[in-house]
Amino acid sequence: MNSFTLKAVSEKKSIKAFLDFPAHLYHDDPRWSRPLDSDIEKIFDPEQNKKFRQGDAIRWILEDEQKHVVGRVAAFYDKQTANKNNQPTGGLGFFDCINNTDASSILFDACKGWLAERGMEAMDGPVNFGERDSFWGCLADGFYEPLYNMPYNSSYYNELFEAYGFKNYFNQYTYHRTFETEGLSPEIHEKAKRLSENPDYTFEIFDKSKTEKIAEDFMIIFNAAWARFPGISKITKVHSLALLKQMKPIMDKRLVHIAYYKGEPIGFFIMMQDISQITKNFKGQLNLFHKLSLLYKIKCTRKVTRIIGRLFGVVPEHQGKGVEGGLVVNFARLASKPGFQYTDLELNWIGDFNPTMMKVCEQIGSKIYKTHITYRYLFDRDAPFEKATKVNV
């Protein structure tokens, strides 16, 4: 029987081991790409992650008898998210492990014990101690190169989770289409045509001179369309403005679309370049040289050919009125013009609990390309298990 030692991550050496382990695990897999270390470390920095205000996190690495790292995991909770479930629910994430159920069980046991001591009665995984659009889900189908900050893992990970007793809480799909094919459905075109005949509806792309206003518009739409989802919190204008300012240096204004009704913000379709096509060669680092290289390659060489659909939402009062069609068709018109260098669009993080968005993805000619699973484990093994509730957006 294998002998393993679990160690808490607490100082520079163990932090480095935590960050480096996946590079060793996947060194023979050309599809895996290393996330930026800074993107991971800021999640576990109480000064940068507001989740620590009402919660906590811990990380572990697992070593074998030869002191080689063979696994890693993090456990975390925040009361606001935990209490939006049927039972207080924490999370585990950044799980990587050799194909060994003894090793994975030690990691899962550590998470379960730590969370139970803090009042949790269930755990979801693999998830992020932060927003859902990053480091979330266990890849189960479509083992292609990952998008920026999206998980990639070997197929045996699903077996490790399910062998421990985790159950599928929901699937999250990534849809894909190229810009070289037709594919917008007649229904989408009809919706857009109907709105174009009503002057009360207008559509705009990002304008850097209106960053303050767009930040407020984004906040209004997001809080109305998305914050009612379990596990998603409202954002403030300060948060919204910080997100836009963070995106501005590499933003392509053609990828940010906002819908208005009589001047009031009612919907958005926000995409971004998949910078992992560049950062995958940075070996996790992002120093000044890497930053300059990233900006140069985005602005001057057009190395990025893939874009990610990050957020799509319509406020409840205007759902079912064709706003999504207007947003999509307005983007499609820009995408058909000369100089549009992107060839592929991946619509990221479409939950199976959201049939409305799944239908929109199909109507624009995209197909399911990848499937990630969010698992849930109830500490009371006799408690009834319920999948995520279906919603509309």
Foldseek 3Di string as FASTA:
>chain_A
DWDKDKDWDDDDVSLVLLQCVVCVVCVPPPQEFRAASVVVVLLQDVVNQVLVVQKHKIKMFMATPVRRTFWIKMWMAGQVQQVLDPWRETEMFSTDGDLDLVVLLVVVVVNVVVVVVVRGFKYKPDQGSDDRLARGFAWQDQQGRDFHRYDHDDNCVVVSCVVNPWDFQWKWFKWKDWLVDAFFAVVLVVLQVVVVVPVQKDKDFDDPVCLLVVLVLVQVFCCQWPCVFRSRHRDDSVVSSVVCVVCVLLDDRLQWMFMGGNRHTFWIWHKGFRLSLPCSVVSNHDDPVNVVVSSCCRPPVVSTQEMEGRDTTGGPVCPPNSVLSNNVVSSSVVCPDPPNRHTMYMYGTHIPLEVVVVVSSNNRGIDGNIMGTIIMDGNPPPDDDDHGHRDYD
